Amino acid sequence: MSVKYGEANCSDVSEQGMQDFLTKLEKPVYEELAIDTPIRMPLKFDTLTAEVNFIAVIDLLNFGSGYRVPLHDLAGRGAFDVIRFGVMSFHVGGTPMTAEKFQSIDIFEVASIFQLPIEKEVPVKKEMPFLTMAEPTPLKPFAQGIVDVLNSTGVFLQQHGYNDLAAFILDISSSSHGKPSAVEMVTRLVQALPGLQDVSTTTQGGEPLYLFKKAQIMVYHLWLLLHEQDPAHFGFEDIDQLTIFADNVIPTMLIHLGVLEIPQEWQDLLDRHQDVGEEKAYVLRAASVVACEKIVALSNAGVGSIHHMTEGALDVYLWRVGKVGDYRKVPRMEFRDTVMF
């Protein structure tokens, strides 16, 4: 399979690379890392609605991967940890995560809640270091992205009479057939919320690429954490129909593991920590979706030692293993001008 941009083959899924990945994959390590423990947090919730809201807001804001380097430099955390910290700050600090609050929140409040330094003082002149002016840091666009997503979500919720994101989710979580459907919920979330409309139409002569990373991982996390507690809303029988949650880590890991093959000029951008731009980012993410579909099919056909693999679990494994040992040093794909991953 090749994902094409213009006339050039931009990303090939290697059959040999997939075979090697599966045959070398150690079952105990896979089974440990395929469980999404980072989303489980030591918090108590007064109601199911509060817990749904907490999970959903984390995944609504689950982006910022292109800011990994400046986030570590200026905030001391990676993107997911910054988002998780901020939403926990909402929860324990008493700031309501309501439609009204989301619609009115501004960049200074976001910077405070998420502990993002968005401005720094710099000397006006070298010879006058005591005279300074405020200058934006590289994290200001990331903070503005959080504001934009919260504002647009708040507008939709208020216009449709929902107090918070949880109220909307609970309202749409039963399908027209009376059983909750993961696919139907993803569809309705994407149709409603601009902050989840993960699509690019920039590839020359190609069809739009619909990836919906955040909407899918939101539904996956709601299922993972709540399907036993509230099967009527989150016991999705079709949960395995979701694709992987294509971000920057999964294509990076698949390239490093020899599953995806890309042009050297693209690899050079990754190695130099340069922003790859929207077109390359979407092509690589789309290629990772196709590659993982094929890996799961090969695994379930008997290749390797794991024969009940799902795309959700494979995604979690690749994401978590990418943060272990020397894999953390692998240069990741970077694209900043997005609120989708």
Protein backbone atom coordinates (compact mmCIF):
# COMPACT_ATOMS: atom_id res chain seq x y z
CA MET A 1 0.00 0.00 0.00
CA SER A 2 1.23 3.50 -0.79
CA VAL A 3 -0.20 6.82 0.31
CA LYS A 4 0.35 9.17 -2.63
CA TYR A 5 0.83 12.92 -2.73
CA GLY A 6 0.88 14.27 -6.25
CA GLU A 7 2.86 11.81 -8.37
CA ALA A 8 5.24 10.63 -5.65
CA ASN A 9 4.95 7.63 -3.36
CA CYS A 10 5.29 9.25 0.03
CA SER A 11 4.78 6.41 2.46
CA ASP A 12 5.00 2.68 1.86
CA VAL A 13 3.77 0.02 4.27
CA SER A 14 6.46 -2.67 4.31
CA GLU A 15 5.16 -6.24 4.29
CA GLN A 16 8.48 -7.46 5.65
CA GLY A 17 8.46 -4.75 8.28
CA MET A 18 5.06 -5.87 9.53
CA GLN A 19 6.15 -9.51 9.63
CA ASP A 20 9.30 -8.59 11.57
CA PHE A 21 7.35 -6.44 14.01
CA LEU A 22 4.88 -9.20 14.82
CA THR A 23 7.39 -12.04 15.06
CA LYS A 24 9.63 -10.03 17.40
CA LEU A 25 6.75 -8.75 19.54
CA GLU A 26 6.93 -10.28 23.02
CA LYS A 27 3.51 -11.23 24.31
CA PRO A 28 4.04 -10.30 28.01
CA VAL A 29 5.40 -6.86 27.08
CA TYR A 30 2.58 -6.24 24.62
CA GLU A 31 -0.11 -7.30 27.09
CA GLU A 32 1.32 -4.99 29.76
CA LEU A 33 1.69 -1.91 27.56
CA ALA A 34 -1.54 -2.37 25.57
CA ILE A 35 -3.57 -1.33 28.62
CA ASP A 36 -4.14 2.43 28.70
CA THR A 37 -3.07 3.12 32.28
CA PRO A 38 -2.12 6.81 31.72
CA ILE A 39 -5.80 7.77 31.46
CA ARG A 40 -6.55 6.24 34.88
CA MET A 41 -6.10 8.87 37.59
CA PRO A 42 -6.39 8.74 41.39
CA LEU A 43 -9.45 10.95 41.59
CA LYS A 44 -12.88 10.52 43.12
CA PHE A 45 -16.00 11.78 41.40
CA ASP A 46 -19.29 12.61 43.09
CA THR A 47 -21.33 11.52 40.08
CA LEU A 48 -20.99 9.55 36.86
CA THR A 49 -21.63 12.80 34.97
CA ALA A 50 -18.59 14.41 36.60
CA GLU A 51 -16.40 11.48 35.60
CA VAL A 52 -17.69 11.49 32.01
CA ASN A 53 -17.01 15.22 31.81
CA PHE A 54 -13.47 14.81 33.14
CA ILE A 55 -12.57 12.05 30.66
CA ALA A 56 -14.17 13.84 27.73
CA VAL A 57 -12.47 17.19 28.36
CA ILE A 58 -9.04 15.54 28.55
CA ASP A 59 -9.56 14.01 25.13
CA LEU A 60 -11.18 17.12 23.68
CA LEU A 61 -7.88 18.87 24.47
CA ASN A 62 -5.62 15.92 23.67
CA PHE A 63 -3.36 17.79 21.25
CA GLY A 64 -0.15 19.83 21.25
CA SER A 65 2.26 17.08 20.19
CA GLY A 66 4.12 19.48 17.91
CA TYR A 67 5.06 21.56 20.96
CA ARG A 68 6.83 18.68 22.73
CA VAL A 69 10.28 20.33 22.78
CA PRO A 70 9.23 23.85 23.96
CA LEU A 71 6.77 22.29 26.44
CA HIS A 72 9.54 20.29 28.09
CA ASP A 73 11.83 23.35 28.02
CA LEU A 74 9.33 25.90 29.36
CA ALA A 75 6.67 23.89 31.23
CA GLY A 76 8.60 20.80 32.28
CA ARG A 77 5.98 18.44 30.85
CA GLY A 78 4.98 16.87 27.55
CA ALA A 79 1.72 17.71 25.79
CA PHE A 80 -0.48 14.98 27.27
CA ASP A 81 0.83 15.61 30.78
CA VAL A 82 0.13 19.35 30.39
CA ILE A 83 -3.45 18.65 29.33
CA ARG A 84 -3.96 16.07 32.08
CA PHE A 85 -2.52 18.48 34.66
CA GLY A 86 -4.77 21.31 33.46
CA VAL A 87 -7.97 19.28 33.54
CA MET A 88 -7.06 17.97 37.00
CA SER A 89 -6.55 21.60 38.03
CA PHE A 90 -10.06 22.40 36.82
CA HIS A 91 -11.40 19.46 38.84
CA VAL A 92 -9.59 20.00 42.14
CA GLY A 93 -9.40 23.79 41.94
CA GLY A 94 -13.12 24.35 41.73
CA THR A 95 -13.18 25.96 38.28
CA PRO A 96 -16.33 24.60 36.63
CA MET A 97 -15.94 22.67 33.37
CA THR A 98 -19.25 23.95 32.06
CA ALA A 99 -20.47 25.28 28.74
CA GLU A 100 -20.72 28.78 30.21
CA LYS A 101 -17.13 28.69 31.48
CA PHE A 102 -15.74 27.25 28.27
CA GLN A 103 -17.43 29.90 26.16
CA SER A 104 -15.94 32.76 28.19
CA ILE A 105 -12.47 31.45 29.14
CA ASP A 106 -9.52 33.48 27.85
CA ILE A 107 -5.84 32.83 27.22
CA PHE A 108 -4.66 34.24 30.54
CA GLU A 109 -6.91 31.93 32.54
CA VAL A 110 -5.85 28.99 30.39
CA ALA A 111 -2.19 29.88 30.93
CA SER A 112 -2.77 29.92 34.69
CA ILE A 113 -4.78 26.68 34.88
CA PHE A 114 -2.44 24.72 32.58
CA GLN A 115 0.73 26.38 33.92
CA LEU A 116 1.84 27.57 30.49
CA PRO A 117 4.31 30.47 30.33
CA ILE A 118 2.95 32.42 27.37
CA GLU A 119 5.00 35.60 27.82
CA LYS A 120 8.50 36.47 28.98
CA GLU A 121 10.18 39.73 29.86
CA VAL A 122 13.05 40.73 27.57
CA PRO A 123 15.28 43.84 27.66
CA VAL A 124 14.26 46.62 25.32
CA LYS A 125 17.96 47.39 24.79
CA LYS A 126 21.04 45.42 25.75
CA GLU A 127 22.56 48.45 27.43
CA MET A 128 19.38 48.97 29.49
CA PRO A 129 18.60 45.51 30.97
CA PHE A 130 16.34 47.06 33.63
CA LEU A 131 13.90 48.25 30.92
CA THR A 132 11.89 45.28 29.67
CA MET A 133 8.92 44.44 27.54
CA ALA A 134 6.67 41.37 27.27
CA GLU A 135 7.36 38.99 24.41
CA PRO A 136 5.29 35.90 23.52
CA THR A 137 6.87 32.50 24.13
CA PRO A 138 6.60 29.60 21.63
CA LEU A 139 3.80 28.20 23.82
CA LYS A 140 1.37 31.09 23.27
CA PRO A 141 -0.15 29.55 20.08
CA PHE A 142 -0.66 26.25 21.95
CA ALA A 143 -2.48 28.06 24.75
CA GLN A 144 -4.57 29.91 22.19
CA GLY A 145 -5.47 26.58 20.62
CA ILE A 146 -6.82 25.38 23.97
CA VAL A 147 -8.86 28.60 24.24
CA ASP A 148 -10.27 28.19 20.74
CA VAL A 149 -11.35 24.58 21.31
CA LEU A 150 -12.95 25.36 24.67
CA ASN A 151 -14.70 28.46 23.31
CA SER A 152 -16.16 26.67 20.27
CA THR A 153 -17.27 23.74 22.42
CA GLY A 154 -18.92 26.06 24.91
CA VAL A 155 -20.75 27.88 22.14
CA PHE A 156 -22.19 24.64 20.73
CA LEU A 157 -23.21 23.31 24.14
CA GLN A 158 -24.93 26.53 25.17
CA GLN A 159 -26.72 26.90 21.84
CA HIS A 160 -28.13 23.38 22.22
CA GLY A 161 -29.05 23.59 25.90
CA TYR A 162 -26.33 21.40 27.42
CA ASN A 163 -24.76 22.41 30.73
CA ASP A 164 -21.50 20.61 29.98
CA LEU A 165 -19.85 18.14 27.61
CA ALA A 166 -20.99 15.17 29.69
CA ALA A 167 -24.65 16.13 29.26
CA PHE A 168 -24.22 16.09 25.49
CA ILE A 169 -22.37 12.76 25.52
CA LEU A 170 -24.94 11.05 27.72
CA ASP A 171 -27.67 12.37 25.46
CA ILE A 172 -26.14 10.89 22.29
CA SER A 173 -24.74 7.68 23.74
CA SER A 174 -27.68 5.45 22.84
CA SER A 175 -28.06 4.55 19.19
CA SER A 176 -31.29 4.62 17.22
CA HIS A 177 -31.45 0.84 17.74
CA GLY A 178 -31.38 1.17 21.53
CA LYS A 179 -27.80 -0.09 21.98
CA PRO A 180 -24.81 2.20 22.44
CA SER A 181 -22.59 2.37 19.36
CA ALA A 182 -18.98 3.59 19.34
CA VAL A 183 -19.12 4.37 15.63
CA GLU A 184 -22.36 6.32 15.95
CA MET A 185 -21.03 8.31 18.90
CA VAL A 186 -17.86 9.25 17.02
CA THR A 187 -19.99 10.41 14.10
CA ARG A 188 -22.23 12.57 16.25
CA LEU A 189 -19.31 14.06 18.20
CA VAL A 190 -17.51 15.04 15.00
CA GLN A 191 -20.63 16.50 13.44
CA ALA A 192 -21.22 18.68 16.51
CA LEU A 193 -17.84 19.91 17.75
CA PRO A 194 -15.36 21.86 15.60
CA GLY A 195 -12.54 20.82 17.95
CA LEU A 196 -12.96 17.20 16.81
CA GLN A 197 -13.27 17.71 13.04
CA ASP A 198 -9.96 16.12 12.11
CA VAL A 199 -9.87 16.28 8.31
CA SER A 200 -7.51 17.58 5.64
CA THR A 201 -8.27 18.28 2.01
CA THR A 202 -4.82 19.51 1.06
CA THR A 203 -3.47 16.42 -0.70
CA GLN A 204 -3.25 17.08 -4.44
CA GLY A 205 -5.90 15.31 -6.44
CA GLY A 206 -6.82 13.05 -3.54
CA GLU A 207 -9.85 12.42 -1.40
CA PRO A 208 -10.15 14.19 1.96
CA LEU A 209 -8.40 12.37 4.80
CA TYR A 210 -10.72 11.82 7.76
CA LEU A 211 -8.82 10.64 10.83
CA PHE A 212 -10.84 11.80 13.87
CA LYS A 213 -8.14 10.92 16.39
CA LYS A 214 -9.58 12.82 19.36
CA ALA A 215 -13.19 11.77 18.85
CA GLN A 216 -12.19 8.12 18.61
CA ILE A 217 -9.89 8.14 21.63
CA MET A 218 -12.58 9.93 23.64
CA VAL A 219 -15.06 7.16 22.87
CA TYR A 220 -12.41 4.50 23.52
CA HIS A 221 -11.56 5.95 26.94
CA LEU A 222 -15.24 6.26 27.89
CA TRP A 223 -15.67 2.59 26.98
CA LEU A 224 -12.46 1.51 28.74
CA LEU A 225 -13.24 3.27 32.02
CA LEU A 226 -17.04 3.12 32.17
CA HIS A 227 -18.40 0.18 30.18
CA GLU A 228 -18.82 -1.95 33.31
CA GLN A 229 -20.12 0.91 35.45
CA ASP A 230 -22.62 2.14 32.86
CA PRO A 231 -23.09 -0.42 30.06
CA ALA A 232 -26.31 1.25 28.91
CA HIS A 233 -24.32 4.27 27.73
CA PHE A 234 -20.80 2.93 27.17
CA GLY A 235 -21.03 -0.84 26.63
CA PHE A 236 -20.08 -0.47 22.95
CA GLU A 237 -20.28 -3.82 21.17
CA ASP A 238 -18.61 -2.25 18.12
CA ILE A 239 -15.63 -0.74 19.96
CA ASP A 240 -13.22 -2.75 17.79
CA GLN A 241 -14.48 -0.97 14.66
CA LEU A 242 -12.53 2.15 15.65
CA THR A 243 -9.19 2.75 13.96
CA ILE A 244 -6.01 3.65 15.77
CA PHE A 245 -5.88 7.16 17.22
CA ALA A 246 -3.45 8.60 14.72
CA ASP A 247 -1.15 11.18 16.29
CA ASN A 248 2.55 11.92 15.89
CA VAL A 249 3.87 9.04 18.01
CA ILE A 250 2.34 6.14 16.04
CA PRO A 251 3.77 7.02 12.59
CA THR A 252 7.10 7.88 14.20
CA MET A 253 7.27 4.47 15.89
CA LEU A 254 6.17 2.63 12.75
CA ILE A 255 8.90 4.39 10.75
CA HIS A 256 11.50 3.55 13.39
CA LEU A 257 10.37 -0.10 13.49
CA GLY A 258 10.60 -0.47 9.71
CA VAL A 259 6.85 -0.78 9.10
CA LEU A 260 6.52 2.56 7.29
CA GLU A 261 9.10 3.60 4.69
CA ILE A 262 9.32 7.30 3.84
CA PRO A 263 11.50 9.45 1.55
CA GLN A 264 14.85 10.48 2.98
CA GLU A 265 13.92 14.16 2.74
CA TRP A 266 10.95 13.49 5.03
CA GLN A 267 13.16 11.59 7.46
CA ASP A 268 15.57 14.52 7.48
CA LEU A 269 12.75 16.81 8.64
CA LEU A 270 12.00 14.45 11.53
CA ASP A 271 15.67 14.14 12.48
CA ARG A 272 16.06 17.93 12.54
CA HIS A 273 12.88 18.42 14.63
CA GLN A 274 11.39 20.52 11.85
CA ASP A 275 7.67 21.10 11.38
CA VAL A 276 6.56 18.80 8.54
CA GLY A 277 3.45 20.82 7.64
CA GLU A 278 -0.16 19.74 7.28
CA GLU A 279 0.14 17.67 4.11
CA LYS A 280 2.95 15.40 5.27
CA ALA A 281 1.45 15.13 8.75
CA TYR A 282 -1.89 13.89 7.43
CA VAL A 283 -0.30 11.53 4.91
CA LEU A 284 1.88 9.95 7.60
CA ARG A 285 -1.02 9.67 10.03
CA ALA A 286 -3.24 8.11 7.35
CA ALA A 287 -0.49 5.66 6.46
CA SER A 288 -0.21 4.67 10.12
CA VAL A 289 -3.94 3.89 10.19
CA VAL A 290 -3.63 1.60 7.15
CA ALA A 291 -0.47 -0.05 8.50
CA CYS A 292 -2.07 -0.83 11.84
CA GLU A 293 -5.16 -2.27 10.16
CA LYS A 294 -2.86 -4.62 8.23
CA ILE A 295 -0.81 -5.51 11.33
CA VAL A 296 -3.97 -6.45 13.24
CA ALA A 297 -5.20 -8.56 10.31
CA LEU A 298 -1.85 -10.39 10.06
CA SER A 299 -1.75 -10.96 13.81
CA ASN A 300 -5.25 -12.36 13.92
CA ALA A 301 -4.39 -14.59 10.94
CA GLY A 302 -1.68 -16.25 13.02
CA VAL A 303 1.50 -14.24 12.49
CA GLY A 304 3.45 -13.83 15.73
CA SER A 305 2.39 -14.78 19.25
CA ILE A 306 -0.60 -12.45 19.73
CA HIS A 307 -3.76 -13.58 17.97
CA HIS A 308 -6.50 -11.42 19.46
CA MET A 309 -5.07 -7.99 18.69
CA THR A 310 -7.30 -4.93 18.30
CA GLU A 311 -6.45 -1.58 16.78
CA GLY A 312 -7.17 0.26 20.02
CA ALA A 313 -4.83 -1.95 22.02
CA LEU A 314 -2.13 -1.80 19.33
CA ASP A 315 -2.33 2.00 19.35
CA VAL A 316 -1.92 2.10 23.13
CA TYR A 317 1.05 -0.30 22.94
CA LEU A 318 2.86 1.76 20.29
CA TRP A 319 2.14 5.03 22.11
CA ARG A 320 3.37 3.71 25.45
CA VAL A 321 6.43 1.89 24.12
CA GLY A 322 7.40 5.14 22.38
CA LYS A 323 7.88 6.64 25.83
CA VAL A 324 10.12 3.86 27.19
CA GLY A 325 13.93 3.83 27.29
CA ASP A 326 15.77 4.71 24.08
CA TYR A 327 12.50 4.99 22.14
CA ARG A 328 12.02 8.36 23.87
CA LYS A 329 15.05 9.61 21.94
CA VAL A 330 13.55 8.82 18.53
CA PRO A 331 12.78 12.17 16.82
CA ARG A 332 9.02 12.51 16.49
CA MET A 333 6.97 13.97 13.71
CA GLU A 334 6.16 17.60 14.49
CA PHE A 335 3.26 19.71 13.24
CA ARG A 336 2.17 22.62 15.40
CA ASP A 337 -0.61 24.37 13.51
CA THR A 338 -3.36 21.97 14.59
CA VAL A 339 -5.64 21.26 17.52
CA MET A 340 -6.28 17.67 16.37
CA PHE A 341 -3.26 15.79 17.74
